[in-house]
Amino acid sequence: AGEPVPLFHPIWVDADPEDIAFADSHAAHGNFRAWAQLTAHTRTAL
């Protein structure tokens, strides 16, 4: 998932690739809908 995620939303552009992999393995599992939900909650947290 690490390669396309920074293209999905600007919050992922500066994210460490290890953090993107962490997010994918713990929550998103390569699923676009899960990445969308995770991105929304991550934006709120930021």
ModelCIF file with pLDDT and N, C-alpha, C, O atoms, coordinates in Angstrom:
data_MODEL
#
_entry.id   MODEL 
#
_entity.id                         1 
_entity.type                       polymer 
_entity.pdbx_number_of_molecules   1 
#
_entity_poly.entity_id                      1 
_entity_poly.type                           'polypeptide(L)' 
_entity_poly.nstd_linkage                   no 
_entity_poly.nstd_monomer                   no 
_entity_poly.pdbx_seq_one_letter_code       AGEPVPLFHPIWVDADPEDIAFADSHAAHGNFRAWAQLTAHTRTAL 
_entity_poly.pdbx_seq_one_letter_code_can   AGEPVPLFHPIWVDADPEDIAFADSHAAHGNFRAWAQLTAHTRTAL 
_entity_poly.pdbx_strand_id                 A 
#
loop_
_entity_poly_seq.entity_id 
_entity_poly_seq.num 
_entity_poly_seq.mon_id 
_entity_poly_seq.hetero 
1 1  ALA n 
1 2  GLY n 
1 3  GLU n 
1 4  PRO n 
1 5  VAL n 
1 6  PRO n 
1 7  LEU n 
1 8  PHE n 
1 9  HIS n 
1 10 PRO n 
1 11 ILE n 
1 12 TRP n 
1 13 VAL n 
1 14 ASP n 
1 15 ALA n 
1 16 ASP n 
1 17 PRO n 
1 18 GLU n 
1 19 ASP n 
1 20 ILE n 
1 21 ALA n 
1 22 PHE n 
1 23 ALA n 
1 24 ASP n 
1 25 SER n 
1 26 HIS n 
1 27 ALA n 
1 28 ALA n 
1 29 HIS n 
1 30 GLY n 
1 31 ASN n 
1 32 PHE n 
1 33 ARG n 
1 34 ALA n 
1 35 TRP n 
1 36 ALA n 
1 37 GLN n 
1 38 LEU n 
1 39 THR n 
1 40 ALA n 
1 41 HIS n 
1 42 THR n 
1 43 ARG n 
1 44 THR n 
1 45 ALA n 
1 46 LEU n 
#
_struct_asym.id          A 
_struct_asym.entity_id   1 
#
loop_
_ma_qa_metric.id 
_ma_qa_metric.mode 
_ma_qa_metric.name 
_ma_qa_metric.software_group_id 
_ma_qa_metric.type 
1 global pLDDT . pLDDT 
2 local  pLDDT . pLDDT 
#
_ma_qa_metric_global.metric_id      1 
_ma_qa_metric_global.metric_value   92.46 
_ma_qa_metric_global.model_id       1 
_ma_qa_metric_global.ordinal_id     1 
#
loop_
_ma_qa_metric_local.label_asym_id 
_ma_qa_metric_local.label_comp_id 
_ma_qa_metric_local.label_seq_id 
_ma_qa_metric_local.metric_id 
_ma_qa_metric_local.metric_value 
_ma_qa_metric_local.model_id 
_ma_qa_metric_local.ordinal_id 
A ALA 1  2 55.00 1 1  
A GLY 2  2 56.00 1 2  
A GLU 3  2 69.00 1 3  
A PRO 4  2 84.00 1 4  
A VAL 5  2 91.00 1 5  
A PRO 6  2 90.00 1 6  
A LEU 7  2 88.00 1 7  
A PHE 8  2 89.00 1 8  
A HIS 9  2 94.00 1 9  
A PRO 10 2 95.00 1 10 
A ILE 11 2 96.00 1 11 
A TRP 12 2 96.00 1 12 
A VAL 13 2 95.00 1 13 
A ASP 14 2 94.00 1 14 
A ALA 15 2 95.00 1 15 
A ASP 16 2 95.00 1 16 
A PRO 17 2 94.00 1 17 
A GLU 18 2 96.00 1 18 
A ASP 19 2 96.00 1 19 
A ILE 20 2 96.00 1 20 
A ALA 21 2 95.00 1 21 
A PHE 22 2 97.00 1 22 
A ALA 23 2 97.00 1 23 
A ASP 24 2 95.00 1 24 
A SER 25 2 96.00 1 25 
A HIS 26 2 96.00 1 26 
A ALA 27 2 96.00 1 27 
A ALA 28 2 95.00 1 28 
A HIS 29 2 94.00 1 29 
A GLY 30 2 91.00 1 30 
A ASN 31 2 93.00 1 31 
A PHE 32 2 92.00 1 32 
A ARG 33 2 94.00 1 33 
A ALA 34 2 95.00 1 34 
A TRP 35 2 96.00 1 35 
A ALA 36 2 96.00 1 36 
A GLN 37 2 97.00 1 37 
A LEU 38 2 97.00 1 38 
A THR 39 2 97.00 1 39 
A ALA 40 2 97.00 1 40 
A HIS 41 2 97.00 1 41 
A THR 42 2 98.00 1 42 
A ARG 43 2 97.00 1 43 
A THR 44 2 97.00 1 44 
A ALA 45 2 97.00 1 45 
A LEU 46 2 97.00 1 46 
#
loop_
_atom_site.group_PDB 
_atom_site.id 
_atom_site.type_symbol 
_atom_site.label_atom_id 
_atom_site.label_alt_id 
_atom_site.label_comp_id 
_atom_site.label_asym_id 
_atom_site.label_entity_id 
_atom_site.label_seq_id 
_atom_site.pdbx_PDB_ins_code 
_atom_site.Cartn_x 
_atom_site.Cartn_y 
_atom_site.Cartn_z 
_atom_site.occupancy 
_atom_site.B_iso_or_equiv 
_atom_site.pdbx_formal_charge 
_atom_site.auth_seq_id 
_atom_site.auth_comp_id 
_atom_site.auth_asym_id 
_atom_site.auth_atom_id 
_atom_site.pdbx_PDB_model_num 
ATOM 1   N N  . ALA A 1 1  ? 0.801   -1.219 0.000  1.00 55.00 ? 1  ALA A N  1 
ATOM 2   C CA . ALA A 1 1  ? 0.000   0.000  0.000  1.00 55.00 ? 1  ALA A CA 1 
ATOM 3   C C  . ALA A 1 1  ? 0.832   1.267  0.000  1.00 55.00 ? 1  ALA A C  1 
ATOM 4   O O  . ALA A 1 1  ? 0.331   2.331  -0.361 1.00 55.00 ? 1  ALA A O  1 
ATOM 5   N N  . GLY A 1 2  ? 2.071   1.177  0.389  1.00 56.00 ? 2  GLY A N  1 
ATOM 6   C CA . GLY A 1 2  ? 2.874   2.376  0.564  1.00 56.00 ? 2  GLY A CA 1 
ATOM 7   C C  . GLY A 1 2  ? 3.027   3.248  -0.657 1.00 56.00 ? 2  GLY A C  1 
ATOM 8   O O  . GLY A 1 2  ? 3.085   4.471  -0.534 1.00 56.00 ? 2  GLY A O  1 
ATOM 9   N N  . GLU A 1 3  ? 3.092   2.659  -1.822 1.00 69.00 ? 3  GLU A N  1 
ATOM 10  C CA . GLU A 1 3  ? 3.333   3.443  -3.028 1.00 69.00 ? 3  GLU A CA 1 
ATOM 11  C C  . GLU A 1 3  ? 2.174   4.362  -3.412 1.00 69.00 ? 3  GLU A C  1 
ATOM 12  O O  . GLU A 1 3  ? 2.421   5.547  -3.634 1.00 69.00 ? 3  GLU A O  1 
ATOM 13  N N  . PRO A 1 4  ? 0.921   3.892  -3.504 1.00 84.00 ? 4  PRO A N  1 
ATOM 14  C CA . PRO A 1 4  ? -0.158  4.788  -3.932 1.00 84.00 ? 4  PRO A CA 1 
ATOM 15  C C  . PRO A 1 4  ? -0.739  5.684  -2.837 1.00 84.00 ? 4  PRO A C  1 
ATOM 16  O O  . PRO A 1 4  ? -1.390  6.678  -3.158 1.00 84.00 ? 4  PRO A O  1 
ATOM 17  N N  . VAL A 1 5  ? -0.532  5.376  -1.583 1.00 91.00 ? 5  VAL A N  1 
ATOM 18  C CA . VAL A 1 5  ? -1.177  6.129  -0.504 1.00 91.00 ? 5  VAL A CA 1 
ATOM 19  C C  . VAL A 1 5  ? -0.844  7.624  -0.537 1.00 91.00 ? 5  VAL A C  1 
ATOM 20  O O  . VAL A 1 5  ? -1.760  8.434  -0.391 1.00 91.00 ? 5  VAL A O  1 
ATOM 21  N N  . PRO A 1 6  ? 0.403   8.029  -0.721 1.00 90.00 ? 6  PRO A N  1 
ATOM 22  C CA . PRO A 1 6  ? 0.672   9.470  -0.781 1.00 90.00 ? 6  PRO A CA 1 
ATOM 23  C C  . PRO A 1 6  ? -0.061  10.180 -1.924 1.00 90.00 ? 6  PRO A C  1 
ATOM 24  O O  . PRO A 1 6  ? -0.277  11.391 -1.860 1.00 90.00 ? 6  PRO A O  1 
ATOM 25  N N  . LEU A 1 7  ? -0.441  9.447  -2.955 1.00 88.00 ? 7  LEU A N  1 
ATOM 26  C CA . LEU A 1 7  ? -1.205  10.035 -4.049 1.00 88.00 ? 7  LEU A CA 1 
ATOM 27  C C  . LEU A 1 7  ? -2.680  10.202 -3.690 1.00 88.00 ? 7  LEU A C  1 
ATOM 28  O O  . LEU A 1 7  ? -3.388  11.000 -4.303 1.00 88.00 ? 7  LEU A O  1 
ATOM 29  N N  . PHE A 1 8  ? -3.131  9.452  -2.704 1.00 89.00 ? 8  PHE A N  1 
ATOM 30  C CA . PHE A 1 8  ? -4.536  9.464  -2.293 1.00 89.00 ? 8  PHE A CA 1 
ATOM 31  C C  . PHE A 1 8  ? -4.917  10.747 -1.566 1.00 89.00 ? 8  PHE A C  1 
ATOM 32  O O  . PHE A 1 8  ? -5.972  11.319 -1.841 1.00 89.00 ? 8  PHE A O  1 
ATOM 33  N N  . HIS A 1 9  ? -4.080  11.209 -0.645 1.00 94.00 ? 9  HIS A N  1 
ATOM 34  C CA . HIS A 1 9  ? -4.391  12.408 0.138  1.00 94.00 ? 9  HIS A CA 1 
ATOM 35  C C  . HIS A 1 9  ? -3.104  13.073 0.592  1.00 94.00 ? 9  HIS A C  1 
ATOM 36  O O  . HIS A 1 9  ? -2.133  12.389 0.917  1.00 94.00 ? 9  HIS A O  1 
ATOM 37  N N  . PRO A 1 10 ? -3.084  14.413 0.618  1.00 95.00 ? 10 PRO A N  1 
ATOM 38  C CA . PRO A 1 10 ? -1.864  15.141 0.998  1.00 95.00 ? 10 PRO A CA 1 
ATOM 39  C C  . PRO A 1 10 ? -1.300  14.823 2.387  1.00 95.00 ? 10 PRO A C  1 
ATOM 40  O O  . PRO A 1 10 ? -0.102  14.998 2.608  1.00 95.00 ? 10 PRO A O  1 
ATOM 41  N N  . ILE A 1 11 ? -2.127  14.363 3.323  1.00 96.00 ? 11 ILE A N  1 
ATOM 42  C CA . ILE A 1 11 ? -1.572  14.081 4.661  1.00 96.00 ? 11 ILE A CA 1 
ATOM 43  C C  . ILE A 1 11 ? -0.562  12.944 4.629  1.00 96.00 ? 11 ILE A C  1 
ATOM 44  O O  . ILE A 1 11 ? 0.266   12.818 5.531  1.00 96.00 ? 11 ILE A O  1 
ATOM 45  N N  . TRP A 1 12 ? -0.631  12.116 3.588  1.00 96.00 ? 12 TRP A N  1 
ATOM 46  C CA . TRP A 1 12 ? 0.270   10.969 3.497  1.00 96.00 ? 12 TRP A CA 1 
ATOM 47  C C  . TRP A 1 12 ? 1.565   11.282 2.757  1.00 96.00 ? 12 TRP A C  1 
ATOM 48  O O  . TRP A 1 12 ? 2.491   10.472 2.764  1.00 96.00 ? 12 TRP A O  1 
ATOM 49  N N  . VAL A 1 13 ? 1.640   12.445 2.121  1.00 95.00 ? 13 VAL A N  1 
ATOM 50  C CA . VAL A 1 13 ? 2.829   12.795 1.324  1.00 95.00 ? 13 VAL A CA 1 
ATOM 51  C C  . VAL A 1 13 ? 4.093   12.827 2.173  1.00 95.00 ? 13 VAL A C  1 
ATOM 52  O O  . VAL A 1 13 ? 5.126   12.297 1.762  1.00 95.00 ? 13 VAL A O  1 
ATOM 53  N N  . ASP A 1 14 ? 4.026   13.439 3.350  1.00 94.00 ? 14 ASP A N  1 
ATOM 54  C CA . ASP A 1 14 ? 5.200   13.558 4.222  1.00 94.00 ? 14 ASP A CA 1 
ATOM 55  C C  . ASP A 1 14 ? 5.299   12.440 5.258  1.00 94.00 ? 14 ASP A C  1 
ATOM 56  O O  . ASP A 1 14 ? 6.209   12.436 6.087  1.00 94.00 ? 14 ASP A O  1 
ATOM 57  N N  . ALA A 1 15 ? 4.373   11.506 5.209  1.00 95.00 ? 15 ALA A N  1 
ATOM 58  C CA . ALA A 1 15 ? 4.393   10.420 6.196  1.00 95.00 ? 15 ALA A CA 1 
ATOM 59  C C  . ALA A 1 15 ? 5.559   9.478  5.924  1.00 95.00 ? 15 ALA A C  1 
ATOM 60  O O  . ALA A 1 15 ? 5.920   9.217  4.776  1.00 95.00 ? 15 ALA A O  1 
ATOM 61  N N  . ASP A 1 16 ? 6.127   8.984  6.996  1.00 95.00 ? 16 ASP A N  1 
ATOM 62  C CA . ASP A 1 16 ? 7.205   7.994  6.895  1.00 95.00 ? 16 ASP A CA 1 
ATOM 63  C C  . ASP A 1 16 ? 6.627   6.716  6.275  1.00 95.00 ? 16 ASP A C  1 
ATOM 64  O O  . ASP A 1 16 ? 5.562   6.262  6.695  1.00 95.00 ? 16 ASP A O  1 
ATOM 65  N N  . PRO A 1 17 ? 7.304   6.135  5.293  1.00 94.00 ? 17 PRO A N  1 
ATOM 66  C CA . PRO A 1 17 ? 6.804   4.882  4.694  1.00 94.00 ? 17 PRO A CA 1 
ATOM 67  C C  . PRO A 1 17 ? 6.561   3.780  5.728  1.00 94.00 ? 17 PRO A C  1 
ATOM 68  O O  . PRO A 1 17 ? 5.678   2.944  5.537  1.00 94.00 ? 17 PRO A O  1 
ATOM 69  N N  . GLU A 1 18 ? 7.320   3.769  6.802  1.00 96.00 ? 18 GLU A N  1 
ATOM 70  C CA . GLU A 1 18 ? 7.085   2.775  7.859  1.00 96.00 ? 18 GLU A CA 1 
ATOM 71  C C  . GLU A 1 18 ? 5.748   3.024  8.548  1.00 96.00 ? 18 GLU A C  1 
ATOM 72  O O  . GLU A 1 18 ? 5.069   2.074  8.938  1.00 96.00 ? 18 GLU A O  1 
ATOM 73  N N  . ASP A 1 19 ? 5.363   4.291  8.704  1.00 96.00 ? 19 ASP A N  1 
ATOM 74  C CA . ASP A 1 19 ? 4.070   4.604  9.315  1.00 96.00 ? 19 ASP A CA 1 
ATOM 75  C C  . ASP A 1 19 ? 2.927   4.225  8.377  1.00 96.00 ? 19 ASP A C  1 
ATOM 76  O O  . ASP A 1 19 ? 1.876   3.772  8.833  1.00 96.00 ? 19 ASP A O  1 
ATOM 77  N N  . ILE A 1 20 ? 3.122   4.406  7.083  1.00 96.00 ? 20 ILE A N  1 
ATOM 78  C CA . ILE A 1 20 ? 2.103   3.988  6.110  1.00 96.00 ? 20 ILE A CA 1 
ATOM 79  C C  . ILE A 1 20 ? 1.949   2.461  6.153  1.00 96.00 ? 20 ILE A C  1 
ATOM 80  O O  . ILE A 1 20 ? 0.830   1.947  6.139  1.00 96.00 ? 20 ILE A O  1 
ATOM 81  N N  . ALA A 1 21 ? 3.051   1.755  6.203  1.00 95.00 ? 21 ALA A N  1 
ATOM 82  C CA . ALA A 1 21 ? 2.994   0.293  6.302  1.00 95.00 ? 21 ALA A CA 1 
ATOM 83  C C  . ALA A 1 21 ? 2.327   -0.137 7.603  1.00 95.00 ? 21 ALA A C  1 
ATOM 84  O O  . ALA A 1 21 ? 1.553   -1.094 7.620  1.00 95.00 ? 21 ALA A O  1 
ATOM 85  N N  . PHE A 1 22 ? 2.627   0.572  8.698  1.00 97.00 ? 22 PHE A N  1 
ATOM 86  C CA . PHE A 1 22 ? 2.002   0.303  9.998  1.00 97.00 ? 22 PHE A CA 1 
ATOM 87  C C  . PHE A 1 22 ? 0.486   0.469  9.888  1.00 97.00 ? 22 PHE A C  1 
ATOM 88  O O  . PHE A 1 22 ? -0.270  -0.381 10.359 1.00 97.00 ? 22 PHE A O  1 
ATOM 89  N N  . ALA A 1 23 ? 0.050   1.554  9.270  1.00 97.00 ? 23 ALA A N  1 
ATOM 90  C CA . ALA A 1 23 ? -1.383  1.807  9.110  1.00 97.00 ? 23 ALA A CA 1 
ATOM 91  C C  . ALA A 1 23 ? -2.038  0.735  8.251  1.00 97.00 ? 23 ALA A C  1 
ATOM 92  O O  . ALA A 1 23 ? -3.143  0.282  8.551  1.00 97.00 ? 23 ALA A O  1 
ATOM 93  N N  . ASP A 1 24 ? -1.367  0.337  7.199  1.00 95.00 ? 24 ASP A N  1 
ATOM 94  C CA . ASP A 1 24 ? -1.941  -0.672 6.323  1.00 95.00 ? 24 ASP A CA 1 
ATOM 95  C C  . ASP A 1 24 ? -2.052  -2.022 7.024  1.00 95.00 ? 24 ASP A C  1 
ATOM 96  O O  . ASP A 1 24 ? -3.073  -2.701 6.917  1.00 95.00 ? 24 ASP A O  1 
ATOM 97  N N  . SER A 1 25 ? -1.011  -2.404 7.734  1.00 96.00 ? 25 SER A N  1 
ATOM 98  C CA . SER A 1 25 ? -1.030  -3.722 8.379  1.00 96.00 ? 25 SER A CA 1 
ATOM 99  C C  . SER A 1 25 ? -1.966  -3.783 9.583  1.00 96.00 ? 25 SER A C  1 
ATOM 100 O O  . SER A 1 25 ? -2.479  -4.856 9.901  1.00 96.00 ? 25 SER A O  1 
ATOM 101 N N  . HIS A 1 26 ? -2.198  -2.660 10.259 1.00 96.00 ? 26 HIS A N  1 
ATOM 102 C CA . HIS A 1 26 ? -3.049  -2.663 11.449 1.00 96.00 ? 26 HIS A CA 1 
ATOM 103 C C  . HIS A 1 26 ? -4.493  -2.262 11.192 1.00 96.00 ? 26 HIS A C  1 
ATOM 104 O O  . HIS A 1 26 ? -5.372  -2.587 11.990 1.00 96.00 ? 26 HIS A O  1 
ATOM 105 N N  . ALA A 1 27 ? -4.756  -1.555 10.085 1.00 96.00 ? 27 ALA A N  1 
ATOM 106 C CA . ALA A 1 27 ? -6.115  -1.063 9.914  1.00 96.00 ? 27 ALA A CA 1 
ATOM 107 C C  . ALA A 1 27 ? -6.637  -1.098 8.480  1.00 96.00 ? 27 ALA A C  1 
ATOM 108 O O  . ALA A 1 27 ? -7.764  -1.541 8.258  1.00 96.00 ? 27 ALA A O  1 
ATOM 109 N N  . ALA A 1 28 ? -5.868  -0.653 7.516  1.00 95.00 ? 28 ALA A N  1 
ATOM 110 C CA . ALA A 1 28 ? -6.408  -0.483 6.167  1.00 95.00 ? 28 ALA A CA 1 
ATOM 111 C C  . ALA A 1 28 ? -6.378  -1.759 5.333  1.00 95.00 ? 28 ALA A C  1 
ATOM 112 O O  . ALA A 1 28 ? -7.285  -1.987 4.532  1.00 95.00 ? 28 ALA A O  1 
ATOM 113 N N  . HIS A 1 29 ? -5.371  -2.584 5.501  1.00 94.00 ? 29 HIS A N  1 
ATOM 114 C CA . HIS A 1 29 ? -5.265  -3.878 4.830  1.00 94.00 ? 29 HIS A CA 1 
ATOM 115 C C  . HIS A 1 29 ? -5.419  -3.783 3.312  1.00 94.00 ? 29 HIS A C  1 
ATOM 116 O O  . HIS A 1 29 ? -5.983  -4.677 2.681  1.00 94.00 ? 29 HIS A O  1 
ATOM 117 N N  . GLY A 1 30 ? -4.909  -2.685 2.728  1.00 91.00 ? 30 GLY A N  1 
ATOM 118 C CA . GLY A 1 30 ? -4.951  -2.520 1.281  1.00 91.00 ? 30 GLY A CA 1 
ATOM 119 C C  . GLY A 1 30 ? -6.320  -2.189 0.720  1.00 91.00 ? 30 GLY A C  1 
ATOM 120 O O  . GLY A 1 30 ? -6.510  -2.221 -0.495 1.00 91.00 ? 30 GLY A O  1 
ATOM 121 N N  . ASN A 1 31 ? -7.279  -1.871 1.579  1.00 93.00 ? 31 ASN A N  1 
ATOM 122 C CA . ASN A 1 31 ? -8.650  -1.602 1.168  1.00 93.00 ? 31 ASN A CA 1 
ATOM 123 C C  . ASN A 1 31 ? -8.877  -0.092 1.050  1.00 93.00 ? 31 ASN A C  1 
ATOM 124 O O  . ASN A 1 31 ? -8.645  0.650  2.005  1.00 93.00 ? 31 ASN A O  1 
ATOM 125 N N  . PHE A 1 32 ? -9.332  0.360  -0.126 1.00 92.00 ? 32 PHE A N  1 
ATOM 126 C CA . PHE A 1 32 ? -9.513  1.783  -0.354 1.00 92.00 ? 32 PHE A CA 1 
ATOM 127 C C  . PHE A 1 32 ? -10.511 2.405  0.632  1.00 92.00 ? 32 PHE A C  1 
ATOM 128 O O  . PHE A 1 32 ? -10.262 3.490  1.158  1.00 92.00 ? 32 PHE A O  1 
ATOM 129 N N  . ARG A 1 33 ? -11.601 1.747  0.878  1.00 94.00 ? 33 ARG A N  1 
ATOM 130 C CA . ARG A 1 33 ? -12.599 2.292  1.806  1.00 94.00 ? 33 ARG A CA 1 
ATOM 131 C C  . ARG A 1 33 ? -12.011 2.445  3.213  1.00 94.00 ? 33 ARG A C  1 
ATOM 132 O O  . ARG A 1 33 ? -12.272 3.436  3.896  1.00 94.00 ? 33 ARG A O  1 
ATOM 133 N N  . ALA A 1 34 ? -11.223 1.464  3.636  1.00 95.00 ? 34 ALA A N  1 
ATOM 134 C CA . ALA A 1 34 ? -10.569 1.549  4.947  1.00 95.00 ? 34 ALA A CA 1 
ATOM 135 C C  . ALA A 1 34 ? -9.568  2.702  4.972  1.00 95.00 ? 34 ALA A C  1 
ATOM 136 O O  . ALA A 1 34 ? -9.467  3.412  5.973  1.00 95.00 ? 34 ALA A O  1 
ATOM 137 N N  . TRP A 1 35 ? -8.819  2.896  3.865  1.00 96.00 ? 35 TRP A N  1 
ATOM 138 C CA . TRP A 1 35 ? -7.889  4.032  3.805  1.00 96.00 ? 35 TRP A CA 1 
ATOM 139 C C  . TRP A 1 35 ? -8.651  5.356  3.880  1.00 96.00 ? 35 TRP A C  1 
ATOM 140 O O  . TRP A 1 35 ? -8.180  6.305  4.507  1.00 96.00 ? 35 TRP A O  1 
ATOM 141 N N  . ALA A 1 36 ? -9.821  5.425  3.246  1.00 96.00 ? 36 ALA A N  1 
ATOM 142 C CA . ALA A 1 36 ? -10.621 6.654  3.292  1.00 96.00 ? 36 ALA A CA 1 
ATOM 143 C C  . ALA A 1 36 ? -11.064 6.954  4.725  1.00 96.00 ? 36 ALA A C  1 
ATOM 144 O O  . ALA A 1 36 ? -10.965 8.092  5.183  1.00 96.00 ? 36 ALA A O  1 
ATOM 145 N N  . GLN A 1 37 ? -11.549 5.941  5.425  1.00 97.00 ? 37 GLN A N  1 
ATOM 146 C CA . GLN A 1 37 ? -11.964 6.137  6.822  1.00 97.00 ? 37 GLN A CA 1 
ATOM 147 C C  . GLN A 1 37 ? -10.771 6.511  7.701  1.00 97.00 ? 37 GLN A C  1 
ATOM 148 O O  . GLN A 1 37 ? -10.854 7.423  8.525  1.00 97.00 ? 37 GLN A O  1 
ATOM 149 N N  . LEU A 1 38 ? -9.683  5.807  7.518  1.00 97.00 ? 38 LEU A N  1 
ATOM 150 C CA . LEU A 1 38 ? -8.488  6.087  8.305  1.00 97.00 ? 38 LEU A CA 1 
ATOM 151 C C  . LEU A 1 38 ? -7.978  7.505  8.029  1.00 97.00 ? 38 LEU A C  1 
ATOM 152 O O  . LEU A 1 38 ? -7.555  8.204  8.950  1.00 97.00 ? 38 LEU A O  1 
ATOM 153 N N  . THR A 1 39 ? -8.018  7.916  6.785  1.00 97.00 ? 39 THR A N  1 
ATOM 154 C CA . THR A 1 39 ? -7.579  9.267  6.431  1.00 97.00 ? 39 THR A CA 1 
ATOM 155 C C  . THR A 1 39 ? -8.456  10.316 7.104  1.00 97.00 ? 39 THR A C  1 
ATOM 156 O O  . THR A 1 39 ? -7.942  11.310 7.619  1.00 97.00 ? 39 THR A O  1 
ATOM 157 N N  . ALA A 1 40 ? -9.757  10.112 7.108  1.00 97.00 ? 40 ALA A N  1 
ATOM 158 C CA . ALA A 1 40 ? -10.660 11.063 7.758  1.00 97.00 ? 40 ALA A CA 1 
ATOM 159 C C  . ALA A 1 40 ? -10.355 11.193 9.255  1.00 97.00 ? 40 ALA A C  1 
ATOM 160 O O  . ALA A 1 40 ? -10.279 12.304 9.780  1.00 97.00 ? 40 ALA A O  1 
ATOM 161 N N  . HIS A 1 41 ? -10.182 10.074 9.928  1.00 97.00 ? 41 HIS A N  1 
ATOM 162 C CA . HIS A 1 41 ? -9.877  10.112 11.363 1.00 97.00 ? 41 HIS A CA 1 
ATOM 163 C C  . HIS A 1 41 ? -8.486  10.690 11.621 1.00 97.00 ? 41 HIS A C  1 
ATOM 164 O O  . HIS A 1 41 ? -8.271  11.385 12.614 1.00 97.00 ? 41 HIS A O  1 
ATOM 165 N N  . THR A 1 42 ? -7.558  10.402 10.734 1.00 98.00 ? 42 THR A N  1 
ATOM 166 C CA . THR A 1 42 ? -6.200  10.926 10.886 1.00 98.00 ? 42 THR A CA 1 
ATOM 167 C C  . THR A 1 42 ? -6.194  12.439 10.682 1.00 98.00 ? 42 THR A C  1 
ATOM 168 O O  . THR A 1 42 ? -5.475  13.150 11.383 1.00 98.00 ? 42 THR A O  1 
ATOM 169 N N  . ARG A 1 43 ? -6.976  12.936 9.743  1.00 97.00 ? 43 ARG A N  1 
ATOM 170 C CA . ARG A 1 43 ? -7.093  14.393 9.556  1.00 97.00 ? 43 ARG A CA 1 
ATOM 171 C C  . ARG A 1 43 ? -7.639  15.051 10.828 1.00 97.00 ? 43 ARG A C  1 
ATOM 172 O O  . ARG A 1 43 ? -7.151  16.101 11.246 1.00 97.00 ? 43 ARG A O  1 
ATOM 173 N N  . THR A 1 44 ? -8.634  14.440 11.429 1.00 97.00 ? 44 THR A N  1 
ATOM 174 C CA . THR A 1 44 ? -9.189  14.959 12.679 1.00 97.00 ? 44 THR A CA 1 
ATOM 175 C C  . THR A 1 44 ? -8.115  14.994 13.759 1.00 97.00 ? 44 THR A C  1 
ATOM 176 O O  . THR A 1 44 ? -7.978  15.989 14.472 1.00 97.00 ? 44 THR A O  1 
ATOM 177 N N  . ALA A 1 45 ? -7.361  13.921 13.879 1.00 97.00 ? 45 ALA A N  1 
ATOM 178 C CA . ALA A 1 45 ? -6.302  13.845 14.888 1.00 97.00 ? 45 ALA A CA 1 
ATOM 179 C C  . ALA A 1 45 ? -5.230  14.908 14.649 1.00 97.00 ? 45 ALA A C  1 
ATOM 180 O O  . ALA A 1 45 ? -4.759  15.536 15.597 1.00 97.00 ? 45 ALA A O  1 
ATOM 181 N N  . LEU A 1 46 ? -4.846  15.111 13.399 1.00 97.00 ? 46 LEU A N  1 
ATOM 182 C CA . LEU A 1 46 ? -3.867  16.149 13.087 1.00 97.00 ? 46 LEU A CA 1 
ATOM 183 C C  . LEU A 1 46 ? -4.389  17.520 13.490 1.00 97.00 ? 46 LEU A C  1 
ATOM 184 O O  . LEU A 1 46 ? -3.700  18.523 13.303 1.00 97.00 ? 46 LEU A O  1 
#
